[in-house]
C-alpha atoms as a PDB file:
ATOM      1  CA  MET A   1      55.619 -11.099  60.274  1.00  0.00           C
ATOM      2  CA  SER A   2      53.500  -9.227  62.701  1.00  0.00           C
ATOM      3  CA  ASN A   3      55.058  -8.305  66.443  1.00  0.00           C
ATOM      4  CA  ILE A   4      52.233 -10.353  67.665  1.00  0.00           C
ATOM      5  CA  ALA A   5      53.531 -12.903  65.914  1.00  0.00           C
ATOM      6  CA  ARG A   6      56.867 -12.494  66.641  1.00  0.00           C
ATOM      7  CA  PHE A   7      56.251 -12.369  70.620  1.00  0.00           C
ATOM      8  CA  THR A   8      54.364 -15.413  70.497  1.00  0.00           C
ATOM      9  CA  THR A   9      56.922 -17.187  69.127  1.00  0.00           C
ATOM     10  CA  MET A  10      59.696 -15.822  71.495  1.00  0.00           C
ATOM     11  CA  PHE A  11      57.345 -16.589  74.391  1.00  0.00           C
ATOM     12  CA  VAL A  12      56.321 -20.265  73.399  1.00  0.00           C
ATOM     13  CA  VAL A  13      60.270 -21.120  72.488  1.00  0.00           C
ATOM     14  CA  MET A  14      61.081 -19.960  76.153  1.00  0.00           C
ATOM     15  CA  VAL A  15      58.328 -21.666  77.701  1.00  0.00           C
ATOM     16  CA  ILE A  16      59.816 -24.756  75.950  1.00  0.00           C
ATOM     17  CA  PHE A  17      63.098 -24.386  76.878  1.00  0.00           C
ATOM     18  CA  LEU A  18      62.155 -23.611  80.621  1.00  0.00           C
ATOM     19  CA  GLU A  19      60.008 -26.924  81.184  1.00  0.00           C
ATOM     20  CA  LEU A  20      62.822 -29.169  79.407  1.00  0.00           C
ATOM     21  CA  VAL A  21      64.979 -27.328  82.032  1.00  0.00           C
ATOM     22  CA  GLY A  22      63.118 -28.650  84.604  1.00  0.00           C
ATOM     23  CA  ILE A  23      61.166 -24.950  85.605  1.00  0.00           C
ATOM     24  CA  PRO A  24      57.237 -25.543  85.888  1.00  0.00           C
ATOM     25  CA  THR A  25      55.581 -23.529  83.389  1.00  0.00           C
ATOM     26  CA  VAL A  26      52.296 -23.285  82.082  1.00  0.00           C
ATOM     27  CA  ALA A  27      53.275 -25.624  79.066  1.00  0.00           C
ATOM     28  CA  SER A  28      52.844 -28.479  81.614  1.00  0.00           C
ATOM     29  CA  SER A  29      49.172 -28.479  81.782  1.00  0.00           C
ATOM     30  CA  VAL A  30      48.868 -27.904  78.156  1.00  0.00           C
ATOM     31  CA  LEU A  31      51.027 -30.634  77.344  1.00  0.00           C
ATOM     32  CA  GLY A  32      49.227 -32.911  79.687  1.00  0.00           C
ATOM     33  CA  THR A  33      46.223 -31.855  77.838  1.00  0.00           C
ATOM     34  CA  PHE A  34      47.551 -33.808  74.875  1.00  0.00           C
ATOM     35  CA  GLY A  35      48.929 -36.359  76.443  1.00  0.00           C
ATOM     36  CA  ILE A  36      52.587 -35.432  76.800  1.00  0.00           C
ATOM     37  CA  SER A  37      54.345 -35.837  80.314  1.00  0.00           C
ATOM     38  CA  ILE A  38      57.719 -34.095  80.708  1.00  0.00           C
ATOM     39  CA  ASN A  39      59.872 -34.747  84.085  1.00  0.00           C
ATOM     40  CA  ASP A  40      62.933 -33.411  84.737  1.00  0.00           C
ATOM     41  CA  GLY A  41      63.432 -32.140  81.067  1.00  0.00           C
ATOM     42  CA  GLU A  42      62.869 -35.527  79.901  1.00  0.00           C
ATOM     43  CA  ILE A  43      59.626 -36.616  78.018  1.00  0.00           C
ATOM     44  CA  GLU A  44      58.291 -39.423  79.675  1.00  0.00           C
ATOM     45  CA  ASN A  45      54.885 -40.459  77.942  1.00  0.00           C
ATOM     46  CA  ALA A  46      53.127 -39.102  74.889  1.00  0.00           C
ATOM     47  CA  ASP A  47      49.882 -41.046  74.242  1.00  0.00           C
ATOM     48  CA  ILE A  48      47.982 -38.605  72.358  1.00  0.00           C
ATOM     49  CA  ALA A  49      45.460 -41.392  71.128  1.00  0.00           C
ATOM     50  CA  ASN A  50      44.285 -41.479  74.597  1.00  0.00           C
ATOM     51  CA  SER A  51      44.595 -37.770  75.739  1.00  0.00           C
ATOM     52  CA  GLU A  52      41.727 -35.629  76.596  1.00  0.00           C
ATOM     53  CA  ILE A  53      42.017 -33.494  73.843  1.00  0.00           C
ATOM     54  CA  TYR A  54      41.783 -36.366  71.505  1.00  0.00           C
ATOM     55  CA  SER A  55      38.813 -37.590  73.150  1.00  0.00           C
ATOM     56  CA  TRP A  56      37.036 -34.198  72.971  1.00  0.00           C
ATOM     57  CA  ILE A  57      37.930 -33.756  69.486  1.00  0.00           C
ATOM     58  CA  PHE A  58      36.451 -37.222  68.201  1.00  0.00           C
ATOM     59  CA  GLY A  59      33.712 -37.034  70.814  1.00  0.00           C
ATOM     60  CA  ALA A  60      30.304 -35.387  70.755  1.00  0.00           C
ATOM     61  CA  ALA A  61      31.979 -32.025  71.804  1.00  0.00           C
ATOM     62  CA  GLY A  62      34.316 -32.046  68.998  1.00  0.00           C
ATOM     63  CA  ILE A  63      31.285 -32.766  66.196  1.00  0.00           C
ATOM     64  CA  LEU A  64      29.242 -29.982  67.536  1.00  0.00           C
ATOM     65  CA  ALA A  65      32.132 -27.853  67.208  1.00  0.00           C
ATOM     66  CA  VAL A  66      32.345 -29.243  63.850  1.00  0.00           C
ATOM     67  CA  ILE A  67      28.924 -28.508  62.910  1.00  0.00           C
ATOM     68  CA  ALA A  68      29.092 -24.818  64.498  1.00  0.00           C
ATOM     69  CA  GLY A  69      32.298 -24.203  62.945  1.00  0.00           C
ATOM     70  CA  GLY A  70      30.507 -25.414  59.170  1.00  0.00           C
ATOM     71  CA  GLY A  71      27.380 -23.020  60.551  1.00  0.00           C
ATOM     72  CA  ALA A  72      29.786 -19.988  61.044  1.00  0.00           C
ATOM     73  CA  VAL A  73      31.662 -20.387  57.851  1.00  0.00           C
ATOM     74  CA  ILE A  74      28.204 -20.671  55.693  1.00  0.00           C
ATOM     75  CA  ILE A  75      27.132 -17.306  57.800  1.00  0.00           C
ATOM     76  CA  GLY A  76      30.087 -15.922  56.840  1.00  0.00           C
ATOM     77  CA  LEU A  77      29.747 -16.449  53.374  1.00  0.00           C
ATOM     78  CA  PHE A  78      26.638 -14.488  53.381  1.00  0.00           C
ATOM     79  CA  ALA A  79      27.690 -11.682  55.931  1.00  0.00           C
ATOM     80  CA  LYS A  80      30.876 -10.941  54.176  1.00  0.00           C
ATOM     81  CA  SER A  81      31.750  -8.434  56.756  1.00  0.00           C
ATOM     82  CA  TYR A  82      33.529  -9.345  60.033  1.00  0.00           C
ATOM     83  CA  ASP A  83      36.353  -8.081  61.791  1.00  0.00           C
ATOM     84  CA  THR A  84      39.467 -10.594  61.725  1.00  0.00           C
ATOM     85  CA  SER A  85      40.390  -9.299  65.133  1.00  0.00           C
ATOM     86  CA  LEU A  86      37.543 -10.859  66.680  1.00  0.00           C
ATOM     87  CA  VAL A  87      39.169 -14.136  65.660  1.00  0.00           C
ATOM     88  CA  ILE A  88      42.500 -13.243  66.744  1.00  0.00           C
ATOM     89  CA  LEU A  89      41.387 -11.895  70.465  1.00  0.00           C
ATOM     90  CA  PRO A  90      40.708 -14.938  72.128  1.00  0.00           C
ATOM     91  CA  LEU A  91      44.145 -16.242  70.926  1.00  0.00           C
ATOM     92  CA  ILE A  92      45.999 -12.968  72.248  1.00  0.00           C
ATOM     93  CA  ILE A  93      44.164 -13.471  75.864  1.00  0.00           C
ATOM     94  CA  SER A  94      45.213 -16.696  76.198  1.00  0.00           C
ATOM     95  CA  ILE A  95      49.171 -16.055  74.846  1.00  0.00           C
ATOM     96  CA  GLY A  96      48.882 -12.966  77.946  1.00  0.00           C
ATOM     97  CA  GLY A  97      47.478 -14.885  80.174  1.00  0.00           C
ATOM     98  CA  ALA A  98      49.968 -17.980  79.929  1.00  0.00           C
ATOM     99  CA  LEU A  99      52.543 -15.479  79.389  1.00  0.00           C
ATOM    100  CA  ALA A 100      51.758 -13.818  83.113  1.00  0.00           C
ATOM    101  CA  SER A 101      50.810 -17.291  84.613  1.00  0.00           C
ATOM    102  CA  THR A 102      54.665 -18.320  83.503  1.00  0.00           C
ATOM    103  CA  ALA A 103      56.284 -15.265  84.370  1.00  0.00           C
ATOM    104  CA  TRP A 104      54.998 -15.661  87.953  1.00  0.00           C
ATOM    105  CA  THR A 105      55.741 -19.432  88.348  1.00  0.00           C
ATOM    106  CA  VAL A 106      59.002 -18.901  87.068  1.00  0.00           C
ATOM    107  CA  ILE A 107      59.911 -15.717  89.496  1.00  0.00           C
ATOM    108  CA  LEU A 108      58.565 -17.995  92.737  1.00  0.00           C
ATOM    109  CA  TYR A 109      60.989 -20.763  91.492  1.00  0.00           C
ATOM    110  CA  ALA A 110      63.857 -17.848  91.301  1.00  0.00           C
ATOM    111  CA  SER A 111      63.155 -16.445  94.928  1.00  0.00           C
ATOM    112  CA  SER A 112      62.909 -19.673  96.271  1.00  0.00           C
ATOM    113  CA  GLN A 113      66.583 -20.284  95.132  1.00  0.00           C
ATOM    114  CA  ASN A 114      67.735 -17.576  97.739  1.00  0.00           C
ATOM    115  CA  ALA A 115      69.099 -15.779  95.119  1.00  0.00           C
ATOM    116  CA  PRO A 116      67.871 -12.396  94.792  1.00  0.00           C
ATOM    117  CA  TRP A 117      70.016 -10.999  91.994  1.00  0.00           C
ATOM    118  CA  LEU A 118      68.267 -14.260  90.044  1.00  0.00           C
ATOM    119  CA  THR A 119      64.362 -13.015  90.582  1.00  0.00           C
ATOM    120  CA  LYS A 120      65.801  -9.398  89.696  1.00  0.00           C
ATOM    121  CA  ILE A 121      66.618 -11.206  86.109  1.00  0.00           C
ATOM    122  CA  VAL A 122      63.656 -13.163  85.887  1.00  0.00           C
ATOM    123  CA  ALA A 123      61.593 -10.596  86.347  1.00  0.00           C
ATOM    124  CA  ILE A 124      63.161  -7.610  84.232  1.00  0.00           C
ATOM    125  CA  VAL A 125      63.096 -10.467  81.271  1.00  0.00           C
ATOM    126  CA  PHE A 126      59.583 -11.296  81.576  1.00  0.00           C
ATOM    127  CA  VAL A 127      58.766  -7.614  82.467  1.00  0.00           C
ATOM    128  CA  GLY A 128      60.070  -6.551  79.223  1.00  0.00           C
ATOM    129  CA  LEU A 129      58.460  -9.411  77.308  1.00  0.00           C
ATOM    130  CA  GLY A 130      55.031  -8.128  79.111  1.00  0.00           C
ATOM    131  CA  ILE A 131      55.645  -4.481  77.994  1.00  0.00           C
ATOM    132  CA  GLY A 132      56.719  -5.766  74.022  1.00  0.00           C
ATOM    133  CA  PHE A 133      53.818  -8.069  73.819  1.00  0.00           C
ATOM    134  CA  LEU A 134      51.234  -5.429  74.946  1.00  0.00           C
ATOM    135  CA  TRP A 135      52.878  -2.601  72.823  1.00  0.00           C
ATOM    136  CA  SER A 136      52.738  -5.249  69.807  1.00  0.00           C
ATOM    137  CA  CYS A 137      48.849  -6.035  70.476  1.00  0.00           C
ATOM    138  CA  VAL A 138      48.236  -1.926  70.811  1.00  0.00           C
ATOM    139  CA  ASP A 139      49.758  -1.565  67.654  1.00  0.00           C
ATOM    140  CA  TYR A 140      48.021  -4.481  65.763  1.00  0.00           C
ATOM    141  CA  PHE A 141      44.674  -3.229  66.779  1.00  0.00           C
ATOM    142  CA  ARG A 142      45.414   0.321  66.475  1.00  0.00           C
ATOM    143  CA  SER A 143      46.502   0.012  62.491  1.00  0.00           C
ATOM    144  CA  GLY A 144      43.358  -2.339  61.573  1.00  0.00           C
ATOM    145  CA  ILE A 145      45.375  -5.262  60.071  1.00  0.00           C
END
């Protein structure tokens, strides 16, 4: 398991934990896309069949994505020389953006509690995770895995 996978797993578990505790994170908008709504740590609604992502996948855009994906696979069979990091890079950028957004939201939430020590602890945790994530990204792209 690569370092990026470890940091991504830690981050996702932490975001889900914070969301279920009641601290708003980026997970609420992502889960909303899947038709899942959480309020005060309780799952209120889970209607995936009527969600945005379901209608996108089985709508015109999803069909076009499947055709484009099939075309990419066929082209890839003939080209046989693509860099796998080009496939992983959008995932890394989205996870990094979600980490930064969640860190900022939680720091603002901690500062609204009128406890400066809490804000400092939260900032230390997120800065440490951010540095570790960046370090693992550099290690991944320099090693050529």
